[in-house]
Amino acid sequence: MTSAEEIVPSYAKWGRIAMQKVMEKYPSADVIDYLHIGKEVGTVHSVEKFKLWLRAVDNREFGVFVDISINNETEEIVDIQFTETDR
């Protein structure tokens, strides 16, 4: 048997934050899909990368790339970047 801690991926915390921040930025849209693209590890900061797919109230669908820059030592968020895409 494996514990729940072993099953939860390391990026889960950042994925929850990415979804929360996208819902704050686009309050009238629904998140309909979520993808963890990967992690870029730097010497001081690392970037967790996500793509969320949203549906607006007018049924328009679009993607939002979310890059969360994190301090490697403190795990504090340094910056969050949003980039819209139509694919």
Protein backbone atom coordinates (compact mmCIF):
# COMPACT_ATOMS: atom_id res chain seq x y z
CA MET A 1 0.00 0.00 0.00
CA THR A 2 1.10 3.56 -0.68
CA SER A 3 0.23 6.54 1.45
CA ALA A 4 -1.69 9.51 0.09
CA GLU A 5 1.47 11.61 0.36
CA GLU A 6 3.27 9.33 -2.10
CA ILE A 7 0.40 9.58 -4.61
CA VAL A 8 0.18 13.40 -4.62
CA PRO A 9 2.56 14.81 -7.25
CA SER A 10 5.10 17.43 -6.17
CA TYR A 11 3.47 20.08 -8.39
CA ALA A 12 -0.03 19.64 -6.87
CA LYS A 13 0.39 22.60 -4.50
CA TRP A 14 1.40 24.88 -7.37
CA GLY A 15 -1.40 23.54 -9.57
CA ARG A 16 -3.98 24.52 -6.96
CA ILE A 17 -2.46 28.01 -6.82
CA ALA A 18 -2.45 28.26 -10.64
CA MET A 19 -6.16 27.34 -10.76
CA GLN A 20 -7.00 29.77 -7.95
CA LYS A 21 -5.16 32.67 -9.62
CA VAL A 22 -6.74 31.94 -13.03
CA MET A 23 -10.21 31.87 -11.46
CA GLU A 24 -9.46 35.24 -9.82
CA LYS A 25 -8.25 36.70 -13.13
CA TYR A 26 -11.13 35.21 -15.19
CA PRO A 27 -14.06 35.06 -12.72
CA SER A 28 -16.74 34.57 -15.38
CA ALA A 29 -14.98 31.62 -17.07
CA ASP A 30 -14.94 27.96 -16.08
CA VAL A 31 -11.74 25.90 -15.98
CA ILE A 32 -12.51 22.83 -18.09
CA ASP A 33 -9.05 21.27 -18.41
CA TYR A 34 -5.70 21.41 -16.64
CA LEU A 35 -2.20 20.31 -17.64
CA HIS A 36 1.11 20.41 -15.78
CA ILE A 37 3.64 21.15 -18.52
CA GLY A 38 6.71 20.72 -16.35
CA LYS A 39 9.23 22.39 -14.11
CA GLU A 40 12.25 24.47 -15.11
CA VAL A 41 14.82 24.29 -12.31
CA GLY A 42 17.15 27.24 -11.89
CA THR A 43 19.88 27.93 -9.36
CA VAL A 44 17.84 30.47 -7.34
CA HIS A 45 14.30 30.17 -8.75
CA SER A 46 12.34 27.41 -10.41
CA VAL A 47 9.28 27.77 -12.63
CA GLU A 48 6.28 25.45 -12.49
CA LYS A 49 4.44 25.60 -15.83
CA PHE A 50 0.74 24.88 -16.36
CA LYS A 51 -1.83 25.21 -19.11
CA LEU A 52 -5.47 25.68 -18.18
CA TRP A 53 -8.30 25.55 -20.70
CA LEU A 54 -11.23 27.86 -20.00
CA ARG A 55 -14.75 28.35 -21.31
CA ALA A 56 -16.13 31.88 -21.14
CA VAL A 57 -19.82 32.73 -20.64
CA ASP A 58 -20.17 33.26 -24.41
CA ASN A 59 -18.92 29.64 -24.90
CA ARG A 60 -15.60 30.90 -26.30
CA GLU A 61 -12.80 28.55 -25.28
CA PHE A 62 -9.21 29.60 -24.74
CA GLY A 63 -6.08 28.51 -22.95
CA VAL A 64 -4.02 30.28 -20.33
CA PHE A 65 -0.41 29.36 -19.71
CA VAL A 66 0.52 29.99 -16.08
CA ASP A 67 4.19 30.19 -15.07
CA ILE A 68 4.78 30.31 -11.31
CA SER A 69 8.30 31.39 -10.33
CA ILE A 70 9.30 29.99 -6.95
CA ASN A 71 12.27 30.67 -4.70
CA ASN A 72 14.10 27.33 -4.36
CA GLU A 73 15.08 27.85 -0.72
CA THR A 74 11.94 29.37 0.78
CA GLU A 75 9.30 28.04 -1.68
CA GLU A 76 7.83 31.55 -1.79
CA ILE A 77 6.18 32.70 -5.00
CA VAL A 78 8.34 35.28 -6.73
CA ASP A 79 6.13 35.94 -9.76
CA ILE A 80 3.15 34.58 -11.69
CA GLN A 81 2.85 35.13 -15.45
CA PHE A 82 -0.34 34.55 -17.49
CA THR A 83 -0.31 34.13 -21.26
CA GLU A 84 -3.54 33.57 -23.21
CA THR A 85 -3.59 31.26 -26.22
CA ASP A 86 -6.25 30.10 -28.66
CA ARG A 87 -4.85 26.57 -28.76
